[in-house]
PDB file of all heavy atoms in Angstrom:
ATOM      1  N   VAL A   1      96.323  71.232  99.093  1.00  0.00           N
ATOM      2  CA  VAL A   1      95.941  71.648 100.421  1.00  0.00           C
ATOM      3  C   VAL A   1      94.857  70.764 100.899  1.00  0.00           C
ATOM      4  O   VAL A   1      93.835  70.506 100.252  1.00  0.00           O
ATOM      5  CB  VAL A   1      95.533  73.189 100.435  1.00  0.00           C
ATOM      6  CG1 VAL A   1      95.050  73.496 101.838  1.00  0.00           C
ATOM      7  CG2 VAL A   1      96.755  74.021 100.051  1.00  0.00           C
ATOM      8  N   VAL A   2      94.948  70.271 102.132  1.00  0.00           N
ATOM      9  CA  VAL A   2      93.973  69.436 102.729  1.00  0.00           C
ATOM     10  C   VAL A   2      92.879  70.310 103.425  1.00  0.00           C
ATOM     11  O   VAL A   2      93.153  71.469 103.631  1.00  0.00           O
ATOM     12  CB  VAL A   2      94.537  68.373 103.672  1.00  0.00           C
ATOM     13  CG1 VAL A   2      95.558  67.561 102.986  1.00  0.00           C
ATOM     14  CG2 VAL A   2      95.173  69.067 104.896  1.00  0.00           C
ATOM     15  N   VAL A   3      91.819  69.688 103.766  1.00  0.00           N
ATOM     16  CA  VAL A   3      90.752  70.381 104.481  1.00  0.00           C
ATOM     17  C   VAL A   3      91.161  70.537 106.034  1.00  0.00           C
ATOM     18  O   VAL A   3      92.041  69.764 106.466  1.00  0.00           O
ATOM     19  CB  VAL A   3      89.449  69.708 104.414  1.00  0.00           C
ATOM     20  CG1 VAL A   3      88.910  69.641 102.935  1.00  0.00           C
ATOM     21  CG2 VAL A   3      89.392  68.339 105.035  1.00  0.00           C
ATOM     22  N   ALA A   4      90.603  71.530 106.746  1.00  0.00           N
ATOM     23  CA  ALA A   4      90.917  71.695 108.151  1.00  0.00           C
ATOM     24  C   ALA A   4      90.698  70.413 108.911  1.00  0.00           C
ATOM     25  O   ALA A   4      89.602  69.767 108.752  1.00  0.00           O
ATOM     26  CB  ALA A   4      90.064  72.805 108.678  1.00  0.00           C
ATOM     27  N   GLY A   5      91.531  70.026 109.753  1.00  0.00           N
ATOM     28  CA  GLY A   5      91.354  68.766 110.537  1.00  0.00           C
ATOM     29  C   GLY A   5      92.005  67.566 109.934  1.00  0.00           C
ATOM     30  O   GLY A   5      92.183  66.558 110.614  1.00  0.00           O
ATOM     31  N   ALA A   6      92.392  67.666 108.657  1.00  0.00           N
ATOM     32  CA  ALA A   6      93.007  66.460 108.002  1.00  0.00           C
ATOM     33  C   ALA A   6      94.488  66.476 108.137  1.00  0.00           C
ATOM     34  O   ALA A   6      95.054  67.564 108.315  1.00  0.00           O
ATOM     35  CB  ALA A   6      92.655  66.482 106.496  1.00  0.00           C
ATOM     36  N   THR A   7      95.122  65.339 108.174  1.00  0.00           N
ATOM     37  CA  THR A   7      96.506  65.229 108.377  1.00  0.00           C
ATOM     38  C   THR A   7      97.294  65.487 106.992  1.00  0.00           C
ATOM     39  O   THR A   7      96.978  64.949 105.980  1.00  0.00           O
ATOM     40  CB  THR A   7      96.896  63.834 108.926  1.00  0.00           C
ATOM     41  OG1 THR A   7      96.307  63.699 110.191  1.00  0.00           O
ATOM     42  CG2 THR A   7      98.445  63.741 109.055  1.00  0.00           C
ATOM     43  N   GLY A   8      98.400  66.175 107.162  1.00  0.00           N
ATOM     44  CA  GLY A   8      99.246  66.418 105.935  1.00  0.00           C
ATOM     45  C   GLY A   8     100.639  66.975 106.417  1.00  0.00           C
ATOM     46  O   GLY A   8     100.804  67.204 107.644  1.00  0.00           O
ATOM     47  N   GLU A   9     101.413  67.293 105.461  1.00  0.00           N
ATOM     48  CA  GLU A   9     102.680  67.942 105.700  1.00  0.00           C
ATOM     49  C   GLU A   9     102.538  69.345 105.912  1.00  0.00           C
ATOM     50  O   GLU A   9     101.884  70.051 105.206  1.00  0.00           O
ATOM     51  CB  GLU A   9     103.683  67.637 104.656  1.00  0.00           C
ATOM     52  CG  GLU A   9     105.114  68.214 105.027  1.00  0.00           C
ATOM     53  CD  GLU A   9     106.177  68.103 103.865  1.00  0.00           C
ATOM     54  OE1 GLU A   9     105.703  67.717 102.818  1.00  0.00           O
ATOM     55  OE2 GLU A   9     107.295  68.384 104.173  1.00  0.00           O
ATOM     56  N   LEU A  10     103.198  69.901 106.969  1.00  0.00           N
ATOM     57  CA  LEU A  10     103.190  71.349 107.208  1.00  0.00           C
ATOM     58  C   LEU A  10     104.155  72.108 106.439  1.00  0.00           C
ATOM     59  O   LEU A  10     105.350  71.739 106.370  1.00  0.00           O
ATOM     60  CB  LEU A  10     103.360  71.629 108.732  1.00  0.00           C
ATOM     61  CG  LEU A  10     103.164  73.098 109.169  1.00  0.00           C
ATOM     62  CD1 LEU A  10     102.521  73.229 110.555  1.00  0.00           C
ATOM     63  CD2 LEU A  10     104.563  73.930 109.146  1.00  0.00           C
ATOM     64  N   LEU A  11     103.655  73.110 105.598  1.00  0.00           N
ATOM     65  CA  LEU A  11     104.610  73.945 104.862  1.00  0.00           C
ATOM     66  C   LEU A  11     104.502  75.304 105.387  1.00  0.00           C
ATOM     67  O   LEU A  11     103.345  75.698 105.847  1.00  0.00           O
ATOM     68  CB  LEU A  11     104.138  73.958 103.311  1.00  0.00           C
ATOM     69  CG  LEU A  11     104.758  72.862 102.420  1.00  0.00           C
ATOM     70  CD1 LEU A  11     104.447  71.450 102.938  1.00  0.00           C
ATOM     71  CD2 LEU A  11     104.215  73.059 100.997  1.00  0.00           C
ATOM     72  N   ALA A  12     105.452  76.009 105.475  1.00  0.00           N
ATOM     73  CA  ALA A  12     105.588  77.390 106.109  1.00  0.00           C
ATOM     74  C   ALA A  12     106.388  78.273 105.191  1.00  0.00           C
ATOM     75  O   ALA A  12     107.311  77.833 104.477  1.00  0.00           O
ATOM     76  CB  ALA A  12     106.106  77.360 107.565  1.00  0.00           C
ATOM     77  N   ARG A  13     106.099  79.634 105.278  1.00  0.00           N
ATOM     78  CA  ARG A  13     106.842  80.642 104.514  1.00  0.00           C
ATOM     79  C   ARG A  13     106.843  81.894 105.284  1.00  0.00           C
ATOM     80  O   ARG A  13     105.891  82.345 105.907  1.00  0.00           O
ATOM     81  CB  ARG A  13     106.047  80.822 103.165  1.00  0.00           C
ATOM     82  CG  ARG A  13     106.719  81.832 102.202  1.00  0.00           C
ATOM     83  CD  ARG A  13     106.082  81.786 100.864  1.00  0.00           C
ATOM     84  NE  ARG A  13     104.716  82.081 100.777  1.00  0.00           N
ATOM     85  CZ  ARG A  13     103.961  82.085  99.701  1.00  0.00           C
ATOM     86  NH1 ARG A  13     104.445  81.646  98.568  1.00  0.00           N
ATOM     87  NH2 ARG A  13     102.699  82.447  99.818  1.00  0.00           N
ATOM     88  N   SER A  14     108.026  82.481 105.289  1.00  0.00           N
ATOM     89  CA  SER A  14     108.280  83.751 106.063  1.00  0.00           C
ATOM     90  C   SER A  14     109.646  84.384 105.590  1.00  0.00           C
ATOM     91  O   SER A  14     110.592  83.670 105.343  1.00  0.00           O
ATOM     92  CB  SER A  14     108.302  83.505 107.565  1.00  0.00           C
ATOM     93  OG  SER A  14     108.713  84.723 108.218  1.00  0.00           O
ATOM     94  N   PRO A  15     109.618  85.736 105.573  1.00  0.00           N
ATOM     95  CA  PRO A  15     110.923  86.316 105.330  1.00  0.00           C
ATOM     96  C   PRO A  15     111.914  86.217 106.417  1.00  0.00           C
ATOM     97  O   PRO A  15     113.127  86.471 106.209  1.00  0.00           O
ATOM     98  CB  PRO A  15     110.568  87.866 105.298  1.00  0.00           C
ATOM     99  CG  PRO A  15     109.216  87.984 105.963  1.00  0.00           C
ATOM    100  CD  PRO A  15     108.512  86.629 105.719  1.00  0.00           C
ATOM    101  N   MET A  16     111.500  85.590 107.516  1.00  0.00           N
ATOM    102  CA  MET A  16     112.506  85.295 108.617  1.00  0.00           C
ATOM    103  C   MET A  16     113.205  83.985 108.459  1.00  0.00           C
ATOM    104  O   MET A  16     114.296  83.777 109.113  1.00  0.00           O
ATOM    105  CB  MET A  16     111.740  85.240 109.987  1.00  0.00           C
ATOM    106  CG  MET A  16     111.145  86.442 110.439  1.00  0.00           C
ATOM    107  SD  MET A  16     110.345  86.486 112.044  1.00  0.00           S
ATOM    108  CE  MET A  16     108.901  85.391 111.809  1.00  0.00           C
ATOM    109  N   PHE A  17     112.823  83.159 107.547  1.00  0.00           N
ATOM    110  CA  PHE A  17     113.394  81.776 107.357  1.00  0.00           C
ATOM    111  C   PHE A  17     114.708  81.848 106.723  1.00  0.00           C
ATOM    112  O   PHE A  17     115.149  82.926 106.072  1.00  0.00           O
ATOM    113  CB  PHE A  17     112.435  80.883 106.644  1.00  0.00           C
ATOM    114  CG  PHE A  17     111.122  80.574 107.355  1.00  0.00           C
ATOM    115  CD1 PHE A  17     110.226  79.783 106.705  1.00  0.00           C
ATOM    116  CD2 PHE A  17     110.879  80.974 108.600  1.00  0.00           C
ATOM    117  CE1 PHE A  17     108.987  79.480 107.402  1.00  0.00           C
ATOM    118  CE2 PHE A  17     109.748  80.728 109.274  1.00  0.00           C
ATOM    119  CZ  PHE A  17     108.785  79.943 108.681  1.00  0.00           C
ATOM    120  N   MET A  18     115.420  80.700 106.803  1.00  0.00           N
ATOM    121  CA  MET A  18     116.750  80.669 106.157  1.00  0.00           C
ATOM    122  C   MET A  18     116.629  80.852 104.602  1.00  0.00           C
ATOM    123  O   MET A  18     115.624  80.719 104.005  1.00  0.00           O
ATOM    124  CB  MET A  18     117.367  79.221 106.372  1.00  0.00           C
ATOM    125  CG  MET A  18     116.646  78.130 105.544  1.00  0.00           C
ATOM    126  SD  MET A  18     117.643  76.659 105.574  1.00  0.00           S
ATOM    127  CE  MET A  18     116.671  75.541 104.415  1.00  0.00           C
ATOM    128  N   ASP A  19     117.861  81.325 104.099  1.00  0.00           N
ATOM    129  CA  ASP A  19     117.842  81.491 102.614  1.00  0.00           C
ATOM    130  C   ASP A  19     118.487  80.255 101.925  1.00  0.00           C
ATOM    131  O   ASP A  19     118.722  80.298 100.734  1.00  0.00           O
ATOM    132  CB  ASP A  19     118.619  82.793 102.256  1.00  0.00           C
ATOM    133  CG  ASP A  19     120.086  82.746 102.690  1.00  0.00           C
ATOM    134  OD1 ASP A  19     120.587  81.690 103.001  1.00  0.00           O
ATOM    135  OD2 ASP A  19     120.662  83.824 102.631  1.00  0.00           O
ATOM    136  N   GLY A  20     118.528  79.155 102.671  1.00  0.00           N
ATOM    137  CA  GLY A  20     118.999  77.957 101.949  1.00  0.00           C
ATOM    138  C   GLY A  20     119.999  77.277 102.890  1.00  0.00           C
ATOM    139  O   GLY A  20     120.456  77.778 103.906  1.00  0.00           O
ATOM    140  N   TYR A  21     120.406  76.019 102.433  1.00  0.00           N
ATOM    141  CA  TYR A  21     121.475  75.291 102.996  1.00  0.00           C
ATOM    142  C   TYR A  21     122.920  75.732 102.409  1.00  0.00           C
ATOM    143  O   TYR A  21     123.007  75.834 101.199  1.00  0.00           O
ATOM    144  CB  TYR A  21     121.319  73.756 102.829  1.00  0.00           C
ATOM    145  CG  TYR A  21     120.085  73.226 103.618  1.00  0.00           C
ATOM    146  CD1 TYR A  21     119.130  72.627 102.908  1.00  0.00           C
ATOM    147  CD2 TYR A  21     119.959  73.377 104.964  1.00  0.00           C
ATOM    148  CE1 TYR A  21     117.897  72.122 103.627  1.00  0.00           C
ATOM    149  CE2 TYR A  21     118.857  72.820 105.672  1.00  0.00           C
ATOM    150  CZ  TYR A  21     117.880  72.234 104.917  1.00  0.00           C
ATOM    151  OH  TYR A  21     116.763  71.740 105.589  1.00  0.00           O
ATOM    152  N   ASP A  22     123.849  75.816 103.294  1.00  0.00           N
ATOM    153  CA  ASP A  22     125.145  76.320 102.900  1.00  0.00           C
ATOM    154  C   ASP A  22     125.845  75.351 101.976  1.00  0.00           C
ATOM    155  O   ASP A  22     126.141  74.217 102.323  1.00  0.00           O
ATOM    156  CB  ASP A  22     126.012  76.515 104.157  1.00  0.00           C
ATOM    157  CG  ASP A  22     127.137  77.475 103.909  1.00  0.00           C
ATOM    158  OD1 ASP A  22     126.933  78.548 103.365  1.00  0.00           O
ATOM    159  OD2 ASP A  22     128.323  77.180 104.354  1.00  0.00           O
ATOM    160  N   GLY A  23     126.068  75.796 100.673  1.00  0.00           N
ATOM    161  CA  GLY A  23     126.776  74.922  99.681  1.00  0.00           C
ATOM    162  C   GLY A  23     126.030  73.702  99.307  1.00  0.00           C
ATOM    163  O   GLY A  23     126.660  72.763  98.719  1.00  0.00           O
ATOM    164  N   MET A  24     124.702  73.621  99.483  1.00  0.00           N
ATOM    165  CA  MET A  24     123.943  72.425  99.175  1.00  0.00           C
ATOM    166  C   MET A  24     122.692  72.834  98.305  1.00  0.00           C
ATOM    167  O   MET A  24     121.612  72.791  98.856  1.00  0.00           O
ATOM    168  CB  MET A  24     123.600  71.683 100.454  1.00  0.00           C
ATOM    169  CG  MET A  24     124.693  71.187 101.330  1.00  0.00           C
ATOM    170  SD  MET A  24     124.238  70.401 102.749  1.00  0.00           S
ATOM    171  CE  MET A  24     123.804  68.709 102.061  1.00  0.00           C
ATOM    172  N   PRO A  25     122.914  73.216  97.083  1.00  0.00           N
ATOM    173  CA  PRO A  25     121.723  73.704  96.298  1.00  0.00           C
ATOM    174  C   PRO A  25     120.752  72.725  96.138  1.00  0.00           C
ATOM    175  O   PRO A  25     119.520  72.964  96.084  1.00  0.00           O
ATOM    176  CB  PRO A  25     122.410  74.215  94.974  1.00  0.00           C
ATOM    177  CG  PRO A  25     123.703  73.570  94.986  1.00  0.00           C
ATOM    178  CD  PRO A  25     124.129  73.393  96.321  1.00  0.00           C
ATOM    179  N   GLU A  26     121.074  71.395  95.927  1.00  0.00           N
ATOM    180  CA  GLU A  26     120.045  70.348  95.784  1.00  0.00           C
ATOM    181  C   GLU A  26     119.238  70.098  96.963  1.00  0.00           C
ATOM    182  O   GLU A  26     117.984  70.030  96.862  1.00  0.00           O
ATOM    183  CB  GLU A  26     120.797  69.067  95.286  1.00  0.00           C
ATOM    184  CG  GLU A  26     121.460  69.124  93.897  1.00  0.00           C
ATOM    185  CD  GLU A  26     122.026  67.797  93.498  1.00  0.00           C
ATOM    186  OE1 GLU A  26     121.984  66.856  94.210  1.00  0.00           O
ATOM    187  OE2 GLU A  26     122.555  67.702  92.410  1.00  0.00           O
ATOM    188  N   ALA A  27     119.880  70.152  98.110  1.00  0.00           N
ATOM    189  CA  ALA A  27     119.108  70.011  99.391  1.00  0.00           C
ATOM    190  C   ALA A  27     118.229  71.137  99.589  1.00  0.00           C
ATOM    191  O   ALA A  27     117.111  70.984 100.081  1.00  0.00           O
ATOM    192  CB  ALA A  27     120.118  69.762 100.559  1.00  0.00           C
ATOM    193  N   THR A  28     118.638  72.355  99.237  1.00  0.00           N
ATOM    194  CA  THR A  28     117.850  73.587  99.428  1.00  0.00           C
ATOM    195  C   THR A  28     116.628  73.444  98.476  1.00  0.00           C
ATOM    196  O   THR A  28     115.461  73.748  98.956  1.00  0.00           O
ATOM    197  CB  THR A  28     118.647  74.833  98.941  1.00  0.00           C
ATOM    198  OG1 THR A  28     119.730  74.980  99.800  1.00  0.00           O
ATOM    199  CG2 THR A  28     117.813  76.047  99.071  1.00  0.00           C
ATOM    200  N   ALA A  29     116.780  73.001  97.353  1.00  0.00           N
ATOM    201  CA  ALA A  29     115.647  72.909  96.350  1.00  0.00           C
ATOM    202  C   ALA A  29     114.762  71.926  96.731  1.00  0.00           C
ATOM    203  O   ALA A  29     113.490  71.924  96.555  1.00  0.00           O
ATOM    204  CB  ALA A  29     116.176  72.557  94.961  1.00  0.00           C
ATOM    205  N   ALA A  30     115.108  70.854  97.477  1.00  0.00           N
ATOM    206  CA  ALA A  30     114.295  69.731  97.961  1.00  0.00           C
ATOM    207  C   ALA A  30     113.536  70.204  99.152  1.00  0.00           C
ATOM    208  O   ALA A  30     112.431  69.576  99.609  1.00  0.00           O
ATOM    209  CB  ALA A  30     115.034  68.482  98.288  1.00  0.00           C
ATOM    210  N   THR A  31     113.973  71.262  99.813  1.00  0.00           N
ATOM    211  CA  THR A  31     113.257  71.694 101.037  1.00  0.00           C
ATOM    212  C   THR A  31     112.512  72.997 100.860  1.00  0.00           C
ATOM    213  O   THR A  31     111.463  73.211 101.520  1.00  0.00           O
ATOM    214  CB  THR A  31     114.356  71.959 102.237  1.00  0.00           C
ATOM    215  OG1 THR A  31     115.156  70.772 102.490  1.00  0.00           O
ATOM    216  CG2 THR A  31     113.747  72.443 103.505  1.00  0.00           C
TER     217      THR A  31
END
């Protein structure tokens, strides 16, 4: 985790999000 104000990749988590890519377990694991 970076400090506030620094640039990095945004990661998010929520029970509303998808449960994965259809028929693509490797792509799901990478995301």
